[in-house]
PDB file of N, CA and C in Angstrom:
ATOM      1  N   UNK A   1      18.534  12.374 -23.267  1.00  0.00           N
ATOM      2  CA  UNK A   1      19.560  11.750 -22.428  1.00  0.00           C
ATOM      3  C   UNK A   1      20.205  12.819 -21.561  1.00  0.00           C
ATOM      4  N   UNK A   2      20.543  12.430 -20.344  1.00  0.00           N
ATOM      5  CA  UNK A   2      21.126  13.385 -19.405  1.00  0.00           C
ATOM      6  C   UNK A   2      22.567  13.722 -19.794  1.00  0.00           C
ATOM      7  N   UNK A   3      22.946  14.977 -19.564  1.00  0.00           N
ATOM      8  CA  UNK A   3      24.307  15.422 -19.822  1.00  0.00           C
ATOM      9  C   UNK A   3      25.107  15.577 -18.544  1.00  0.00           C
ATOM     10  N   UNK A   4      24.413  15.847 -17.448  1.00  0.00           N
ATOM     11  CA  UNK A   4      25.085  16.100 -16.180  1.00  0.00           C
ATOM     12  C   UNK A   4      25.408  14.763 -15.508  1.00  0.00           C
ATOM     13  N   UNK A   5      26.581  14.704 -14.888  1.00  0.00           N
ATOM     14  CA  UNK A   5      27.072  13.463 -14.293  1.00  0.00           C
ATOM     15  C   UNK A   5      26.113  12.928 -13.237  1.00  0.00           C
ATOM     16  N   UNK A   6      25.607  13.795 -12.376  1.00  0.00           N
ATOM     17  CA  UNK A   6      24.710  13.341 -11.315  1.00  0.00           C
ATOM     18  C   UNK A   6      23.391  12.814 -11.885  1.00  0.00           C
ATOM     19  N   UNK A   7      22.925  13.420 -12.977  1.00  0.00           N
ATOM     20  CA  UNK A   7      21.697  12.952 -13.614  1.00  0.00           C
ATOM     21  C   UNK A   7      21.899  11.575 -14.231  1.00  0.00           C
ATOM     22  N   UNK A   8      23.072  11.349 -14.819  1.00  0.00           N
ATOM     23  CA  UNK A   8      23.386  10.029 -15.372  1.00  0.00           C
ATOM     24  C   UNK A   8      23.402   8.979 -14.266  1.00  0.00           C
ATOM     25  N   UNK A   9      23.990   9.359 -13.123  1.00  0.00           N
ATOM     26  CA  UNK A   9      24.049   8.431 -11.992  1.00  0.00           C
ATOM     27  C   UNK A   9      22.636   8.116 -11.501  1.00  0.00           C
ATOM     28  N   UNK A  10      21.770   9.119 -11.414  1.00  0.00           N
ATOM     29  CA  UNK A  10      20.401   8.896 -10.948  1.00  0.00           C
ATOM     30  C   UNK A  10      19.671   7.929 -11.867  1.00  0.00           C
ATOM     31  N   UNK A  11      19.929   8.024 -13.176  1.00  0.00           N
ATOM     32  CA  UNK A  11      19.297   7.100 -14.123  1.00  0.00           C
ATOM     33  C   UNK A  11      19.725   5.668 -13.815  1.00  0.00           C
ATOM     34  N   UNK A  12      21.022   5.468 -13.572  1.00  0.00           N
ATOM     35  CA  UNK A  12      21.525   4.129 -13.259  1.00  0.00           C
ATOM     36  C   UNK A  12      20.969   3.613 -11.936  1.00  0.00           C
ATOM     37  N   UNK A  13      20.937   4.472 -10.927  1.00  0.00           N
ATOM     38  CA  UNK A  13      20.437   4.074  -9.608  1.00  0.00           C
ATOM     39  C   UNK A  13      18.958   3.719  -9.690  1.00  0.00           C
ATOM     40  N   UNK A  14      18.202   4.528 -10.415  1.00  0.00           N
ATOM     41  CA  UNK A  14      16.768   4.270 -10.569  1.00  0.00           C
ATOM     42  C   UNK A  14      16.534   2.936 -11.276  1.00  0.00           C
ATOM     43  N   UNK A  15      17.323   2.655 -12.282  1.00  0.00           N
ATOM     44  CA  UNK A  15      17.169   1.390 -13.013  1.00  0.00           C
ATOM     45  C   UNK A  15      17.455   0.199 -12.111  1.00  0.00           C
ATOM     46  N   UNK A  16      18.495   0.280 -11.288  1.00  0.00           N
ATOM     47  CA  UNK A  16      18.813  -0.848 -10.414  1.00  0.00           C
ATOM     48  C   UNK A  16      17.771  -1.011  -9.314  1.00  0.00           C
ATOM     49  N   UNK A  17      17.275   0.106  -8.769  1.00  0.00           N
ATOM     50  CA  UNK A  17      16.242   0.016  -7.730  1.00  0.00           C
ATOM     51  C   UNK A  17      14.943  -0.528  -8.308  1.00  0.00           C
ATOM     52  N   UNK A  18      14.617  -0.137  -9.527  1.00  0.00           N
ATOM     53  CA  UNK A  18      13.417  -0.647 -10.182  1.00  0.00           C
ATOM     54  C   UNK A  18      13.517  -2.155 -10.372  1.00  0.00           C
ATOM     55  N   UNK A  19      14.684  -2.630 -10.777  1.00  0.00           N
ATOM     56  CA  UNK A  19      14.884  -4.071 -10.955  1.00  0.00           C
ATOM     57  C   UNK A  19      14.741  -4.808  -9.628  1.00  0.00           C
ATOM     58  N   UNK A  20      15.311  -4.251  -8.555  1.00  0.00           N
ATOM     59  CA  UNK A  20      15.192  -4.875  -7.237  1.00  0.00           C
ATOM     60  C   UNK A  20      13.739  -4.924  -6.781  1.00  0.00           C
ATOM     61  N   UNK A  21      13.020  -3.828  -6.969  1.00  0.00           N
ATOM     62  CA  UNK A  21      11.618  -3.783  -6.562  1.00  0.00           C
ATOM     63  C   UNK A  21      10.790  -4.782  -7.361  1.00  0.00           C
ATOM     64  N   UNK A  22      11.104  -4.920  -8.645  1.00  0.00           N
ATOM     65  CA  UNK A  22      10.376  -5.862  -9.488  1.00  0.00           C
ATOM     66  C   UNK A  22      10.592  -7.298  -9.009  1.00  0.00           C
ATOM     67  N   UNK A  23      11.821  -7.648  -8.626  1.00  0.00           N
ATOM     68  CA  UNK A  23      12.073  -9.002  -8.145  1.00  0.00           C
ATOM     69  C   UNK A  23      11.362  -9.249  -6.817  1.00  0.00           C
ATOM     70  N   UNK A  24      11.314  -8.238  -5.961  1.00  0.00           N
ATOM     71  CA  UNK A  24      10.631  -8.408  -4.675  1.00  0.00           C
ATOM     72  C   UNK A  24       9.130  -8.589  -4.868  1.00  0.00           C
ATOM     73  N   UNK A  25       8.539  -7.824  -5.772  1.00  0.00           N
ATOM     74  CA  UNK A  25       7.113  -7.979  -6.059  1.00  0.00           C
ATOM     75  C   UNK A  25       6.833  -9.347  -6.670  1.00  0.00           C
ATOM     76  N   UNK A  26       7.729  -9.788  -7.530  1.00  0.00           N
ATOM     77  CA  UNK A  26       7.572 -11.092  -8.169  1.00  0.00           C
ATOM     78  C   UNK A  26       7.634 -12.210  -7.135  1.00  0.00           C
ATOM     79  N   UNK A  27       8.555 -12.087  -6.173  1.00  0.00           N
ATOM     80  CA  UNK A  27       8.676 -13.088  -5.117  1.00  0.00           C
ATOM     81  C   UNK A  27       7.379 -13.163  -4.297  1.00  0.00           C
ATOM     82  N   UNK A  28       6.799 -12.006  -4.008  1.00  0.00           N
ATOM     83  CA  UNK A  28       5.537 -11.968  -3.251  1.00  0.00           C
ATOM     84  C   UNK A  28       4.443 -12.678  -4.036  1.00  0.00           C
ATOM     85  N   UNK A  29       4.337 -12.381  -5.329  1.00  0.00           N
ATOM     86  CA  UNK A  29       3.312 -13.000  -6.156  1.00  0.00           C
ATOM     87  C   UNK A  29       3.499 -14.516  -6.237  1.00  0.00           C
ATOM     88  N   UNK A  30       4.751 -14.942  -6.306  1.00  0.00           N
ATOM     89  CA  UNK A  30       5.040 -16.381  -6.370  1.00  0.00           C
ATOM     90  C   UNK A  30       4.570 -17.081  -5.105  1.00  0.00           C
ATOM     91  N   UNK A  31       4.866 -16.500  -3.947  1.00  0.00           N
ATOM     92  CA  UNK A  31       4.449 -17.120  -2.693  1.00  0.00           C
ATOM     93  C   UNK A  31       2.939 -17.078  -2.518  1.00  0.00           C
ATOM     94  N   UNK A  32       2.281 -16.052  -3.037  1.00  0.00           N
ATOM     95  CA  UNK A  32       0.816 -16.012  -2.978  1.00  0.00           C
ATOM     96  C   UNK A  32       0.243 -17.148  -3.815  1.00  0.00           C
ATOM     97  N   UNK A  33       0.827 -17.397  -4.996  1.00  0.00           N
ATOM     98  CA  UNK A  33       0.362 -18.495  -5.832  1.00  0.00           C
ATOM     99  C   UNK A  33       0.587 -19.842  -5.155  1.00  0.00           C
ATOM    100  N   UNK A  34       1.745 -19.989  -4.483  1.00  0.00           N
ATOM    101  CA  UNK A  34       2.014 -21.240  -3.765  1.00  0.00           C
ATOM    102  C   UNK A  34       1.028 -21.423  -2.619  1.00  0.00           C
ATOM    103  N   UNK A  35       0.681 -20.325  -1.935  1.00  0.00           N
ATOM    104  CA  UNK A  35      -0.305 -20.367  -0.860  1.00  0.00           C
ATOM    105  C   UNK A  35      -1.658 -20.822  -1.392  1.00  0.00           C
ATOM    106  N   UNK A  36      -2.081 -20.237  -2.515  1.00  0.00           N
ATOM    107  CA  UNK A  36      -3.369 -20.597  -3.103  1.00  0.00           C
ATOM    108  C   UNK A  36      -3.392 -22.052  -3.559  1.00  0.00           C
ATOM    109  N   UNK A  37      -2.282 -22.514  -4.105  1.00  0.00           N
ATOM    110  CA  UNK A  37      -2.196 -23.912  -4.534  1.00  0.00           C
ATOM    111  C   UNK A  37      -2.291 -24.857  -3.341  1.00  0.00           C
ATOM    112  N   UNK A  38      -1.635 -24.497  -2.246  1.00  0.00           N
ATOM    113  CA  UNK A  38      -1.703 -25.321  -1.038  1.00  0.00           C
ATOM    114  C   UNK A  38      -3.126 -25.352  -0.489  1.00  0.00           C
ATOM    115  N   UNK A  39      -3.843 -24.235  -0.564  1.00  0.00           N
ATOM    116  CA  UNK A  39      -5.237 -24.205  -0.111  1.00  0.00           C
ATOM    117  C   UNK A  39      -6.113 -25.101  -0.983  1.00  0.00           C
ATOM    118  N   UNK A  40      -5.892 -25.057  -2.295  1.00  0.00           N
ATOM    119  CA  UNK A  40      -6.678 -25.887  -3.207  1.00  0.00           C
ATOM    120  C   UNK A  40      -6.473 -27.372  -2.929  1.00  0.00           C
ATOM    121  N   UNK A  41      -5.256 -27.724  -2.537  1.00  0.00           N
ATOM    122  CA  UNK A  41      -4.930 -29.127  -2.280  1.00  0.00           C
ATOM    123  C   UNK A  41      -5.221 -29.533  -0.829  1.00  0.00           C
ATOM    124  N   UNK A  42      -5.857 -28.631  -0.062  1.00  0.00           N
ATOM    125  CA  UNK A  42      -6.206 -28.869   1.353  1.00  0.00           C
ATOM    126  C   UNK A  42      -4.983 -29.214   2.196  1.00  0.00           C
ATOM    127  N   UNK A  43      -3.855 -28.639   1.877  1.00  0.00           N
ATOM    128  CA  UNK A  43      -2.628 -28.837   2.645  1.00  0.00           C
ATOM    129  C   UNK A  43      -2.468 -27.626   3.570  1.00  0.00           C
ATOM    130  N   UNK A  44      -3.124 -27.685   4.740  1.00  0.00           N
ATOM    131  CA  UNK A  44      -3.217 -26.523   5.628  1.00  0.00           C
ATOM    132  C   UNK A  44      -1.877 -26.157   6.266  1.00  0.00           C
ATOM    133  N   UNK A  45      -1.067 -27.155   6.611  1.00  0.00           N
ATOM    134  CA  UNK A  45       0.223 -26.840   7.240  1.00  0.00           C
ATOM    135  C   UNK A  45       1.119 -26.058   6.277  1.00  0.00           C
ATOM    136  N   UNK A  46       1.145 -26.507   5.046  1.00  0.00           N
ATOM    137  CA  UNK A  46       1.945 -25.822   4.037  1.00  0.00           C
ATOM    138  C   UNK A  46       1.379 -24.430   3.760  1.00  0.00           C
ATOM    139  N   UNK A  47       0.054 -24.317   3.721  1.00  0.00           N
ATOM    140  CA  UNK A  47      -0.591 -23.024   3.482  1.00  0.00           C
ATOM    141  C   UNK A  47      -0.268 -22.037   4.600  1.00  0.00           C
ATOM    142  N   UNK A  48      -0.266 -22.518   5.847  1.00  0.00           N
ATOM    143  CA  UNK A  48       0.080 -21.642   6.978  1.00  0.00           C
ATOM    144  C   UNK A  48       1.508 -21.131   6.853  1.00  0.00           C
ATOM    145  N   UNK A  49       2.405 -22.019   6.461  1.00  0.00           N
ATOM    146  CA  UNK A  49       3.803 -21.624   6.306  1.00  0.00           C
ATOM    147  C   UNK A  49       3.942 -20.571   5.200  1.00  0.00           C
ATOM    148  N   UNK A  50       3.249 -20.777   4.079  1.00  0.00           N
ATOM    149  CA  UNK A  50       3.308 -19.800   2.988  1.00  0.00           C
ATOM    150  C   UNK A  50       2.665 -18.477   3.399  1.00  0.00           C
ATOM    151  N   UNK A  51       1.599 -18.539   4.190  1.00  0.00           N
ATOM    152  CA  UNK A  51       0.951 -17.312   4.649  1.00  0.00           C
ATOM    153  C   UNK A  51       1.900 -16.494   5.513  1.00  0.00           C
ATOM    154  N   UNK A  52       2.625 -17.152   6.409  1.00  0.00           N
ATOM    155  CA  UNK A  52       3.612 -16.446   7.240  1.00  0.00           C
ATOM    156  C   UNK A  52       4.700 -15.820   6.368  1.00  0.00           C
ATOM    157  N   UNK A  53       5.146 -16.566   5.358  1.00  0.00           N
ATOM    158  CA  UNK A  53       6.190 -16.063   4.466  1.00  0.00           C
ATOM    159  C   UNK A  53       5.691 -14.852   3.673  1.00  0.00           C
ATOM    160  N   UNK A  54       4.478 -14.952   3.134  1.00  0.00           N
ATOM    161  CA  UNK A  54       3.911 -13.843   2.365  1.00  0.00           C
ATOM    162  C   UNK A  54       3.766 -12.618   3.255  1.00  0.00           C
ATOM    163  N   UNK A  55       3.295 -12.830   4.470  1.00  0.00           N
ATOM    164  CA  UNK A  55       3.109 -11.710   5.388  1.00  0.00           C
ATOM    165  C   UNK A  55       4.441 -11.019   5.692  1.00  0.00           C
ATOM    166  N   UNK A  56       5.476 -11.817   5.882  1.00  0.00           N
ATOM    167  CA  UNK A  56       6.804 -11.263   6.155  1.00  0.00           C
ATOM    168  C   UNK A  56       7.294 -10.415   4.978  1.00  0.00           C
ATOM    169  N   UNK A  57       7.181 -10.955   3.768  1.00  0.00           N
ATOM    170  CA  UNK A  57       7.646 -10.229   2.597  1.00  0.00           C
ATOM    171  C   UNK A  57       6.800  -8.980   2.322  1.00  0.00           C
ATOM    172  N   UNK A  58       5.486  -9.063   2.563  1.00  0.00           N
ATOM    173  CA  UNK A  58       4.636  -7.896   2.369  1.00  0.00           C
ATOM    174  C   UNK A  58       4.986  -6.791   3.364  1.00  0.00           C
ATOM    175  N   UNK A  59       5.246  -7.168   4.610  1.00  0.00           N
ATOM    176  CA  UNK A  59       5.620  -6.166   5.619  1.00  0.00           C
ATOM    177  C   UNK A  59       6.944  -5.491   5.253  1.00  0.00           C
ATOM    178  N   UNK A  60       7.889  -6.283   4.774  1.00  0.00           N
ATOM    179  CA  UNK A  60       9.175  -5.711   4.359  1.00  0.00           C
ATOM    180  C   UNK A  60       8.983  -4.767   3.175  1.00  0.00           C
ATOM    181  N   UNK A  61       8.161  -5.171   2.216  1.00  0.00           N
ATOM    182  CA  UNK A  61       7.920  -4.330   1.042  1.00  0.00           C
ATOM    183  C   UNK A  61       7.225  -3.028   1.446  1.00  0.00           C
ATOM    184  N   UNK A  62       6.303  -3.108   2.393  1.00  0.00           N
ATOM    185  CA  UNK A  62       5.612  -1.902   2.854  1.00  0.00           C
ATOM    186  C   UNK A  62       6.576  -0.983   3.601  1.00  0.00           C
ATOM    187  N   UNK A  63       7.478  -1.563   4.354  1.00  0.00           N
ATOM    188  CA  UNK A  63       8.441  -0.757   5.103  1.00  0.00           C
ATOM    189  C   UNK A  63       9.384  -0.003   4.173  1.00  0.00           C
ATOM    190  N   UNK A  64       9.676  -0.584   3.008  1.00  0.00           N
ATOM    191  CA  UNK A  64      10.603   0.046   2.064  1.00  0.00           C
ATOM    192  C   UNK A  64       9.878   0.783   0.943  1.00  0.00           C
ATOM    193  N   UNK A  65       8.564   0.981   1.111  1.00  0.00           N
ATOM    194  CA  UNK A  65       7.731   1.723   0.156  1.00  0.00           C
ATOM    195  C   UNK A  65       7.706   1.101  -1.232  1.00  0.00           C
ATOM    196  N   UNK A  66       7.874  -0.204  -1.311  1.00  0.00           N
ATOM    197  CA  UNK A  66       7.689  -0.903  -2.582  1.00  0.00           C
ATOM    198  C   UNK A  66       6.187  -1.029  -2.835  1.00  0.00           C
ATOM    199  N   UNK A  67       5.449  -1.330  -1.772  1.00  0.00           N
ATOM    200  CA  UNK A  67       3.985  -1.309  -1.765  1.00  0.00           C
ATOM    201  C   UNK A  67       3.552  -0.318  -0.696  1.00  0.00           C
ATOM    202  N   UNK A  68       2.338   0.192  -0.812  1.00  0.00           N
ATOM    203  CA  UNK A  68       1.853   1.051   0.260  1.00  0.00           C
ATOM    204  C   UNK A  68       1.478   0.178   1.460  1.00  0.00           C
ATOM    205  N   UNK A  69       1.484   0.754   2.632  1.00  0.00           N
ATOM    206  CA  UNK A  69       1.159   0.014   3.847  1.00  0.00           C
ATOM    207  C   UNK A  69      -0.277  -0.519   3.785  1.00  0.00           C
ATOM    208  N   UNK A  70      -1.175   0.281   3.216  1.00  0.00           N
ATOM    209  CA  UNK A  70      -2.574  -0.144   3.114  1.00  0.00           C
ATOM    210  C   UNK A  70      -2.724  -1.331   2.174  1.00  0.00           C
ATOM    211  N   UNK A  71      -2.006  -1.315   1.069  1.00  0.00           N
ATOM    212  CA  UNK A  71      -2.095  -2.411   0.099  1.00  0.00           C
ATOM    213  C   UNK A  71      -1.554  -3.695   0.707  1.00  0.00           C
ATOM    214  N   UNK A  72      -0.443  -3.606   1.420  1.00  0.00           N
ATOM    215  CA  UNK A  72       0.138  -4.785   2.057  1.00  0.00           C
ATOM    216  C   UNK A  72      -0.810  -5.332   3.115  1.00  0.00           C
ATOM    217  N   UNK A  73      -1.367  -4.443   3.916  1.00  0.00           N
ATOM    218  CA  UNK A  73      -2.295  -4.853   4.965  1.00  0.00           C
ATOM    219  C   UNK A  73      -3.534  -5.502   4.367  1.00  0.00           C
ATOM    220  N   UNK A  74      -4.038  -4.929   3.289  1.00  0.00           N
ATOM    221  CA  UNK A  74      -5.229  -5.469   2.631  1.00  0.00           C
ATOM    222  C   UNK A  74      -4.967  -6.866   2.091  1.00  0.00           C
ATOM    223  N   UNK A  75      -3.791  -7.063   1.476  1.00  0.00           N
ATOM    224  CA  UNK A  75      -3.460  -8.380   0.927  1.00  0.00           C
ATOM    225  C   UNK A  75      -3.349  -9.422   2.035  1.00  0.00           C
ATOM    226  N   UNK A  76      -2.684  -9.060   3.140  1.00  0.00           N
ATOM    227  CA  UNK A  76      -2.542  -9.983   4.266  1.00  0.00           C
ATOM    228  C   UNK A  76      -3.917 -10.334   4.822  1.00  0.00           C
ATOM    229  N   UNK A  77      -4.774  -9.329   4.952  1.00  0.00           N
ATOM    230  CA  UNK A  77      -6.112  -9.539   5.492  1.00  0.00           C
ATOM    231  C   UNK A  77      -6.924 -10.490   4.619  1.00  0.00           C
ATOM    232  N   UNK A  78      -6.860 -10.282   3.321  1.00  0.00           N
ATOM    233  CA  UNK A  78      -7.641 -11.130   2.419  1.00  0.00           C
ATOM    234  C   UNK A  78      -7.119 -12.565   2.394  1.00  0.00           C
ATOM    235  N   UNK A  79      -5.796 -12.716   2.436  1.00  0.00           N
ATOM    236  CA  UNK A  79      -5.228 -14.069   2.457  1.00  0.00           C
ATOM    237  C   UNK A  79      -5.567 -14.775   3.759  1.00  0.00           C
ATOM    238  N   UNK A  80      -5.508 -14.050   4.870  1.00  0.00           N
ATOM    239  CA  UNK A  80      -5.847 -14.639   6.168  1.00  0.00           C
ATOM    240  C   UNK A  80      -7.311 -15.046   6.205  1.00  0.00           C
ATOM    241  N   UNK A  81      -8.161 -14.217   5.631  1.00  0.00           N
ATOM    242  CA  UNK A  81      -9.589 -14.529   5.575  1.00  0.00           C
ATOM    243  C   UNK A  81      -9.828 -15.803   4.779  1.00  0.00           C
ATOM    244  N   UNK A  82      -9.114 -15.943   3.650  1.00  0.00           N
ATOM    245  CA  UNK A  82      -9.246 -17.170   2.843  1.00  0.00           C
ATOM    246  C   UNK A  82      -8.767 -18.394   3.610  1.00  0.00           C
ATOM    247  N   UNK A  83      -7.688 -18.211   4.373  1.00  0.00           N
ATOM    248  CA  UNK A  83      -7.149 -19.313   5.174  1.00  0.00           C
ATOM    249  C   UNK A  83      -8.161 -19.750   6.236  1.00  0.00           C
ATOM    250  N   UNK A  84      -8.737 -18.779   6.927  1.00  0.00           N
ATOM    251  CA  UNK A  84      -9.699 -19.097   7.980  1.00  0.00           C
ATOM    252  C   UNK A  84     -10.962 -19.730   7.424  1.00  0.00           C
ATOM    253  N   UNK A  85     -11.366 -19.298   6.251  1.00  0.00           N
ATOM    254  CA  UNK A  85     -12.566 -19.863   5.615  1.00  0.00           C
ATOM    255  C   UNK A  85     -12.319 -21.312   5.211  1.00  0.00           C
ATOM    256  N   UNK A  86     -11.118 -21.616   4.776  1.00  0.00           N
ATOM    257  CA  UNK A  86     -10.785 -22.975   4.310  1.00  0.00           C
ATOM    258  C   UNK A  86     -10.679 -23.969   5.465  1.00  0.00           C
ATOM    259  N   UNK A  87     -10.365 -23.463   6.647  1.00  0.00           N
ATOM    260  CA  UNK A  87     -10.180 -24.359   7.785  1.00  0.00           C
ATOM    261  C   UNK A  87     -11.455 -24.899   8.341  1.00  0.00           C
TER     262      UNK A  87
END
């Protein structure tokens, strides 16, 4: 356990940032699942809306280094490819 005041603060800050990052990643995964469900049900309008939402959240996560830019880009690319194939 840390003894220095600044080290204790860093532990608290890291814990809160980790929790925030976890919720953001979870939100992305939830919208990806909703997108996939909409594709399975052939609901293209809803799938397009979810794809835009996922892309927005992935770009934000990449900008804040929650995900790497390459990983976010790859996920968007694969989801878009699935969308185009389904149409």
